[in-house]
Structures are given as structure tokens and as C-alpha cells.
Amino acid sequence: MNRFIWLIALVAIVGFQAREHDPMFAIGWTLPWFLIGLALSPVVWLFTRRKRIEPWRWYDWANAGAVMMLVAMVVGLVIRGYMPSA
């Protein structure tokens, strides 16, 4: 199960977006967020470095990318919520 948390999060976000938009649009909207999450996953790696017993596997990086994707999406929503509409 630990290997597929990232995939579950990715499918959930795409499914949530596909309710309102075309599925291809939902994939195209979600994929850049996931790539941003993967780019920020070394931050999670640094914070968990001391607690870890064994090195990260590929799915640990993908899980961290999914978590960072969700964090980036929430931060984006909060920032857009506080921006005045023009």
C-alpha cells in the first residue's frame, strides 16, 4: 500500500478536476503540480533524514512529491483567496 499512496493522490486530484472539466484538461492541470511536488520533495527528504533507517526507494520520492503537490495546491488556493479580484 505504501507504494501506491502517490498514485491514489494523483488519481484523486485528477478525478476531482475531471468532475468540472474534460479529463485531459484535468490531467494537464494536475501533472505540472505533481512535477512541482517532485521538485520540492528533497525538502521532505531533508526533514526526515535523521529519523530514517533505510534509504528512500522510488515510491518514497513519489509519495513525497504527492504530499508536496497537495501542499503547493493548498498554498496556491490560499494565496488566490487573499488576492483582490480585479
Protein backbone atom coordinates (compact mmCIF):
# COMPACT_ATOMS: atom_id res chain seq x y z
CA MET A 1 0.00 0.00 0.00
CA ASN A 2 2.85 2.38 0.78
CA ARG A 3 3.99 2.17 -2.83
CA PHE A 4 0.73 3.47 -4.22
CA ILE A 5 -0.12 6.45 -1.99
CA TRP A 6 1.24 8.84 -4.62
CA LEU A 7 -0.88 7.21 -7.32
CA ILE A 8 -4.02 7.37 -5.17
CA ALA A 9 -3.43 11.08 -4.50
CA LEU A 10 -2.76 11.76 -8.19
CA VAL A 11 -5.89 9.90 -9.35
CA ALA A 12 -7.99 11.62 -6.67
CA ILE A 13 -6.88 15.10 -7.78
CA VAL A 14 -7.40 14.25 -11.46
CA GLY A 15 -10.83 12.80 -10.64
CA PHE A 16 -11.77 15.88 -8.65
CA GLN A 17 -10.78 18.15 -11.55
CA ALA A 18 -12.47 15.87 -14.12
CA ARG A 19 -15.82 16.43 -12.42
CA GLU A 20 -15.80 20.02 -13.69
CA HIS A 21 -13.56 19.82 -16.77
CA ASP A 22 -12.53 17.46 -19.55
CA PRO A 23 -10.40 14.53 -18.25
CA MET A 24 -7.48 15.51 -20.48
CA PHE A 25 -7.64 19.04 -19.09
CA ALA A 26 -7.65 17.56 -15.57
CA ILE A 27 -4.54 15.52 -16.32
CA GLY A 28 -2.86 18.53 -17.92
CA TRP A 29 -3.71 20.69 -14.92
CA THR A 30 -2.57 18.14 -12.32
CA LEU A 31 0.67 16.96 -13.90
CA PRO A 32 2.55 20.27 -13.51
CA TRP A 33 1.55 20.38 -9.83
CA PHE A 34 2.92 16.86 -9.38
CA LEU A 35 6.16 17.83 -11.09
CA ILE A 36 6.44 20.84 -8.77
CA GLY A 37 5.87 18.43 -5.88
CA LEU A 38 8.64 16.15 -7.15
CA ALA A 39 10.96 19.14 -7.45
CA LEU A 40 10.19 20.07 -3.83
CA SER A 41 10.44 16.51 -2.47
CA PRO A 42 14.08 16.95 -1.39
CA VAL A 43 12.71 19.29 1.28
CA VAL A 44 10.79 16.35 2.79
CA TRP A 45 13.88 14.18 2.39
CA LEU A 46 15.97 16.69 4.36
CA PHE A 47 13.44 16.93 7.20
CA THR A 48 13.13 13.14 7.54
CA ARG A 49 16.82 12.34 7.05
CA ARG A 50 17.68 11.82 10.73
CA LYS A 51 14.69 9.55 11.51
CA ARG A 52 15.23 7.26 8.54
CA ILE A 53 16.76 3.83 9.00
CA GLU A 54 16.96 2.76 5.37
CA PRO A 55 17.41 4.84 2.20
CA TRP A 56 14.44 6.07 0.21
CA ARG A 57 13.10 3.95 -2.61
CA TRP A 58 11.46 5.31 -5.77
CA TYR A 59 7.98 5.28 -4.25
CA ASP A 60 9.15 7.29 -1.25
CA TRP A 61 10.16 10.07 -3.63
CA ALA A 62 6.82 9.79 -5.44
CA ASN A 63 4.94 9.87 -2.11
CA ALA A 64 6.87 12.96 -1.03
CA GLY A 65 6.13 14.52 -4.42
CA ALA A 66 2.41 13.86 -3.94
CA VAL A 67 2.46 15.38 -0.46
CA MET A 68 4.32 18.44 -1.71
CA MET A 69 1.86 18.67 -4.63
CA LEU A 70 -1.04 18.82 -2.19
CA VAL A 71 0.79 21.40 -0.05
CA ALA A 72 1.55 23.54 -3.11
CA MET A 73 -2.09 23.33 -4.24
CA VAL A 74 -3.37 24.41 -0.82
CA VAL A 75 -0.86 27.27 -0.68
CA GLY A 76 -1.97 28.33 -4.17
CA LEU A 77 -5.62 28.31 -3.11
CA VAL A 78 -4.86 30.35 -0.01
CA ILE A 79 -2.85 32.91 -1.98
CA ARG A 80 -5.60 33.21 -4.60
CA GLY A 81 -8.18 33.56 -1.85
CA TYR A 82 -6.40 36.58 -0.40
CA MET A 83 -5.66 38.29 -3.72
CA PRO A 84 -8.11 41.05 -4.55
CA SER A 85 -10.14 40.36 -7.66
CA ALA A 86 -9.64 42.82 -10.46
